[in-house]
Amino acid sequence: PSSIVLNCESLHFSPYVTGADIVLEYIPAARQFGCPPTYLDATFSPVWRAPCTPDSGYCGCDNCKGGLIDIRARIQTYKDRLDILDYDRSKTVWTTPQAI
């Protein structure tokens, strides 16, 4: 089986998942700063020292609130999109857990 890990929540979702059997979600800020997702600050970017809003700022996690619920929400979003694309029976969604 082939897999793809998506870094963004929705950027080019459909064409990227077409050739994959397994779609993995990835909350990049958690790995980028070396801490588990429970410490993710989805409102402020330490890289750019600026607040994150829907219009500006990069906090490493599209539409995240800053907790473990973000992982569950992202997986459900991907499952919903695969269902809409009629891939719900041919593809599966996994997460990329982090161990520290």
Protein backbone atom coordinates (compact mmCIF):
# COMPACT_ATOMS: atom_id res chain seq x y z
CA PRO A 1 0.00 0.00 0.00
CA SER A 2 1.06 3.57 -0.60
CA SER A 3 0.52 6.43 1.81
CA ILE A 4 0.69 10.20 1.92
CA VAL A 5 1.10 12.50 4.91
CA LEU A 6 -0.72 15.78 4.47
CA ASN A 7 0.80 18.80 6.16
CA CYS A 8 -2.06 21.22 5.43
CA GLU A 9 -5.69 20.69 6.28
CA SER A 10 -7.13 21.25 2.83
CA LEU A 11 -4.53 22.40 0.31
CA HIS A 12 -4.98 20.23 -2.83
CA PHE A 13 -6.56 17.42 -0.78
CA SER A 14 -8.32 15.69 -3.67
CA PRO A 15 -5.39 15.37 -6.10
CA TYR A 16 -2.96 14.39 -3.34
CA VAL A 17 -5.05 11.52 -1.98
CA THR A 18 -5.94 10.08 -5.38
CA GLY A 19 -2.92 7.77 -5.56
CA ALA A 20 -2.68 6.84 -1.88
CA ASP A 21 -4.21 3.92 -0.01
CA ILE A 22 -3.54 5.44 3.40
CA VAL A 23 -3.98 9.13 4.22
CA LEU A 24 -2.12 10.34 7.30
CA GLU A 25 -2.79 13.58 9.13
CA TYR A 26 0.04 15.58 10.60
CA ILE A 27 -0.10 18.45 13.06
CA PRO A 28 3.24 20.08 12.13
CA ALA A 29 3.60 22.58 14.97
CA ALA A 30 3.70 19.79 17.53
CA ARG A 31 6.74 18.25 15.86
CA GLN A 32 8.30 21.51 14.73
CA PHE A 33 8.71 22.73 18.29
CA GLY A 34 9.41 19.31 19.79
CA CYS A 35 6.43 19.14 22.10
CA PRO A 36 3.22 17.13 22.19
CA PRO A 37 0.04 18.63 20.71
CA THR A 38 -1.31 19.42 24.16
CA TYR A 39 1.27 22.24 24.35
CA LEU A 40 0.47 23.60 20.90
CA ASP A 41 -0.38 27.29 20.97
CA ALA A 42 -2.73 27.73 18.03
CA THR A 43 -3.12 31.46 18.73
CA PHE A 44 0.47 32.72 18.67
CA SER A 45 3.41 31.90 16.39
CA PRO A 46 6.72 31.71 18.26
CA VAL A 47 8.53 31.55 14.92
CA TRP A 48 7.13 34.88 13.69
CA ARG A 49 6.35 36.33 17.14
CA ALA A 50 2.89 37.29 15.94
CA PRO A 51 -0.69 36.30 16.70
CA CYS A 52 -2.41 33.80 14.44
CA THR A 53 -5.77 34.73 13.02
CA PRO A 54 -7.88 33.22 10.24
CA ASP A 55 -6.35 35.86 7.92
CA SER A 56 -2.70 35.99 8.94
CA GLY A 57 0.02 34.30 10.94
CA TYR A 58 1.45 30.79 10.83
CA CYS A 59 1.01 28.61 13.89
CA GLY A 60 1.71 25.35 12.10
CA CYS A 61 -1.78 23.92 12.37
CA ASP A 62 -4.63 24.99 10.10
CA ASN A 63 -7.80 25.69 12.12
CA CYS A 64 -6.43 24.16 15.34
CA LYS A 65 -7.58 25.13 18.81
CA GLY A 66 -4.49 23.84 20.62
CA GLY A 67 -5.18 20.42 22.11
CA LEU A 68 -5.61 16.73 21.45
CA ILE A 69 -9.07 17.42 20.02
CA ASP A 70 -7.29 18.89 16.99
CA ILE A 71 -6.04 15.42 16.04
CA ARG A 72 -9.50 13.90 16.32
CA ALA A 73 -11.05 16.77 14.37
CA ARG A 74 -8.47 16.50 11.58
CA ILE A 75 -9.00 12.75 11.23
CA GLN A 76 -12.77 13.24 11.07
CA THR A 77 -12.38 16.02 8.49
CA TYR A 78 -10.24 13.76 6.30
CA LYS A 79 -12.72 10.89 6.66
CA ASP A 80 -15.58 13.21 5.68
CA ARG A 81 -13.68 14.42 2.62
CA LEU A 82 -12.86 10.88 1.54
CA ASP A 83 -16.55 10.02 1.87
CA ILE A 84 -17.52 12.97 -0.34
CA LEU A 85 -14.92 11.90 -2.92
CA ASP A 86 -16.32 8.34 -2.80
CA TYR A 87 -13.04 6.97 -1.38
CA ASP A 88 -14.49 5.98 2.00
CA ARG A 89 -14.23 2.23 1.24
CA SER A 90 -10.88 2.27 -0.57
CA LYS A 91 -8.75 4.52 1.65
CA THR A 92 -8.11 4.76 5.36
CA VAL A 93 -7.00 7.63 7.60
CA TRP A 94 -4.25 7.28 10.18
CA THR A 95 -2.54 9.75 12.45
CA THR A 96 1.18 10.29 12.96
CA PRO A 97 1.52 10.08 16.76
CA GLN A 98 4.52 11.55 18.46
CA ALA A 99 6.42 9.84 21.25
CA ILE A 100 8.73 11.86 23.46
